[in-house]
Amino acid sequence: MTKENVKLEKVSSKEIIIQGQKENVMEAHTQANYIIHCFERALEISEYVTWKYVDPHDLSTITFPVQANYELENAFKTNVKGKAEITTTFNGKKVQLEIDFKKMQAFNAAENVTSDLERSVNVA
C-alpha cells in the first residue's frame, strides 16, 4: 500500500471499512461522510420534488436520477437569474447541462439537444 492509497471495503449497507495510512484514511473518511450526507439529502429531496425531462426523440417523460434531481433542485432554489449550469452523472457518464428555469429547458451542449423540463412537488 503506497502513501496515496486507501482501501475501502463495504461491510454492510450502513458500514464501510477504510484502511491505509492515517492521513489518507482521515481524508477518505471525511470525503466518504460528505458523499453519504449528500446522497442522504438527495434521497430526502426526491421524496417531495421530482425533476423530469422530455426526451426530444420519442417525447417520453423521463425522471432524472436521484443525484441529478438533487442538483437541479439546489440550482432551482439558489438561482435568482433563472439560469444555471450543472454537471452531473447521468446514465453512467458526466453531462453538463445549461438550465433555463424561466423556459423550463435544459440544453446538453455535448449532444446539441434541448429538452423541456418538468418539476413536480409532492404534497402529502
Protein backbone atom coordinates (compact mmCIF):
# COMPACT_ATOMS: atom_id res chain seq x y z
CA MET A 1 0.00 0.00 0.00
CA THR A 2 1.51 3.37 -1.05
CA LYS A 3 1.01 6.69 0.71
CA GLU A 4 -1.74 7.72 -1.71
CA ASN A 5 -3.74 4.51 -1.47
CA VAL A 6 -6.57 3.62 0.81
CA LYS A 7 -8.70 0.54 0.71
CA LEU A 8 -12.47 0.77 1.01
CA GLU A 9 -14.46 -2.32 1.90
CA LYS A 10 -18.23 -2.39 2.10
CA VAL A 11 -19.26 -4.40 5.15
CA SER A 12 -23.00 -3.73 5.01
CA SER A 13 -25.42 -1.16 3.65
CA LYS A 14 -24.52 1.07 6.61
CA GLU A 15 -20.85 0.29 7.22
CA ILE A 16 -17.60 0.58 5.28
CA ILE A 17 -14.02 -0.08 6.38
CA ILE A 18 -11.32 2.37 5.30
CA GLN A 19 -7.72 1.13 5.58
CA GLY A 20 -4.44 2.89 4.82
CA GLN A 21 -2.06 5.44 6.27
CA LYS A 22 -3.59 7.63 8.97
CA GLU A 23 -3.61 10.91 6.99
CA ASN A 24 -5.08 9.28 3.90
CA VAL A 25 -7.66 7.35 5.90
CA MET A 26 -8.80 10.52 7.68
CA GLU A 27 -9.15 12.36 4.37
CA ALA A 28 -11.01 9.40 2.82
CA HIS A 29 -13.24 9.22 5.90
CA THR A 30 -14.12 12.92 5.61
CA GLN A 31 -14.86 12.57 1.89
CA ALA A 32 -16.91 9.41 2.40
CA ASN A 33 -19.01 11.12 5.08
CA TYR A 34 -19.60 14.08 2.77
CA ILE A 35 -20.68 11.79 -0.10
CA ILE A 36 -23.01 9.85 2.19
CA HIS A 37 -24.51 13.08 3.56
CA CYS A 38 -25.12 14.42 0.03
CA PHE A 39 -26.73 11.17 -1.08
CA GLU A 40 -28.97 11.05 2.00
CA ARG A 41 -30.02 14.66 1.35
CA ALA A 42 -30.66 13.81 -2.31
CA LEU A 43 -32.91 10.93 -1.25
CA GLU A 44 -34.83 13.22 1.12
CA ILE A 45 -35.37 15.83 -1.58
CA SER A 46 -36.51 13.21 -4.10
CA GLU A 47 -39.34 12.29 -1.73
CA TYR A 48 -41.01 15.65 -2.23
CA VAL A 49 -39.60 17.08 -5.51
CA THR A 50 -39.18 15.25 -8.80
CA TRP A 51 -37.46 16.66 -11.88
CA LYS A 52 -38.17 15.12 -15.28
CA TYR A 53 -37.24 15.86 -18.85
CA VAL A 54 -39.00 15.21 -22.12
CA ASP A 55 -36.94 13.03 -24.45
CA PRO A 56 -36.87 15.01 -27.72
CA HIS A 57 -36.71 11.81 -29.79
CA ASP A 58 -39.84 10.00 -28.63
CA LEU A 59 -41.42 12.66 -26.35
CA SER A 60 -41.47 10.31 -23.36
CA THR A 61 -41.08 11.81 -19.90
CA ILE A 62 -38.02 10.55 -18.02
CA THR A 63 -37.27 11.08 -14.32
CA PHE A 64 -33.79 12.34 -13.53
CA PRO A 65 -31.63 10.11 -11.30
CA VAL A 66 -31.62 10.98 -7.58
CA GLN A 67 -28.32 12.91 -7.61
CA ALA A 68 -29.24 14.92 -10.74
CA ASN A 69 -32.64 15.62 -9.17
CA TYR A 70 -30.84 16.99 -6.08
CA GLU A 71 -28.51 19.18 -8.16
CA LEU A 72 -31.40 20.55 -10.23
CA GLU A 73 -33.44 21.37 -7.13
CA ASN A 74 -30.48 23.13 -5.47
CA ALA A 75 -29.85 25.16 -8.62
CA PHE A 76 -33.56 25.98 -8.89
CA LYS A 77 -33.73 27.23 -5.29
CA THR A 78 -30.50 29.21 -5.30
CA ASN A 79 -30.55 30.76 -8.77
CA VAL A 80 -32.17 34.16 -8.83
CA LYS A 81 -31.46 34.90 -12.51
CA GLY A 82 -33.26 31.82 -13.74
CA LYS A 83 -30.25 30.21 -15.45
CA ALA A 84 -27.69 27.75 -14.19
CA GLU A 85 -25.10 25.25 -15.36
CA ILE A 86 -24.81 21.91 -13.63
CA THR A 87 -22.54 18.96 -14.18
CA THR A 88 -23.99 15.65 -13.12
CA THR A 89 -23.67 11.96 -13.79
CA PHE A 90 -26.43 10.62 -15.97
CA ASN A 91 -26.59 7.06 -17.27
CA GLY A 92 -23.01 6.48 -16.12
CA LYS A 93 -21.41 9.47 -17.82
CA LYS A 94 -20.79 13.09 -16.85
CA VAL A 95 -23.16 15.51 -18.51
CA GLN A 96 -23.06 19.30 -18.44
CA LEU A 97 -26.46 20.93 -18.69
CA GLU A 98 -27.32 24.57 -19.23
CA ILE A 99 -30.61 25.12 -17.44
CA ASP A 100 -33.11 27.89 -18.16
CA PHE A 101 -35.62 27.76 -15.32
CA LYS A 102 -37.78 30.51 -16.82
CA LYS A 103 -38.29 28.49 -20.02
CA MET A 104 -38.03 25.19 -18.09
CA GLN A 105 -35.50 23.81 -20.56
CA ALA A 106 -32.16 22.03 -20.35
CA PHE A 107 -29.53 22.25 -23.08
CA ASN A 108 -26.96 19.46 -23.41
CA ALA A 109 -24.15 21.01 -25.50
CA ALA A 110 -22.32 17.69 -26.00
CA GLU A 111 -25.35 16.25 -27.80
CA ASN A 112 -26.68 19.60 -29.06
CA VAL A 113 -30.11 18.76 -27.63
CA THR A 114 -32.62 20.92 -25.79
CA SER A 115 -35.22 19.20 -23.62
CA ASP A 116 -38.24 20.55 -21.81
CA LEU A 117 -38.16 20.16 -18.03
CA GLU A 118 -40.91 19.34 -15.57
CA ARG A 119 -40.79 19.90 -11.80
CA SER A 120 -43.40 18.27 -9.61
CA VAL A 121 -43.78 18.83 -5.91
CA ASN A 122 -45.36 16.05 -3.92
CA VAL A 123 -47.55 17.39 -1.16
CA ALA A 124 -48.58 14.91 1.45
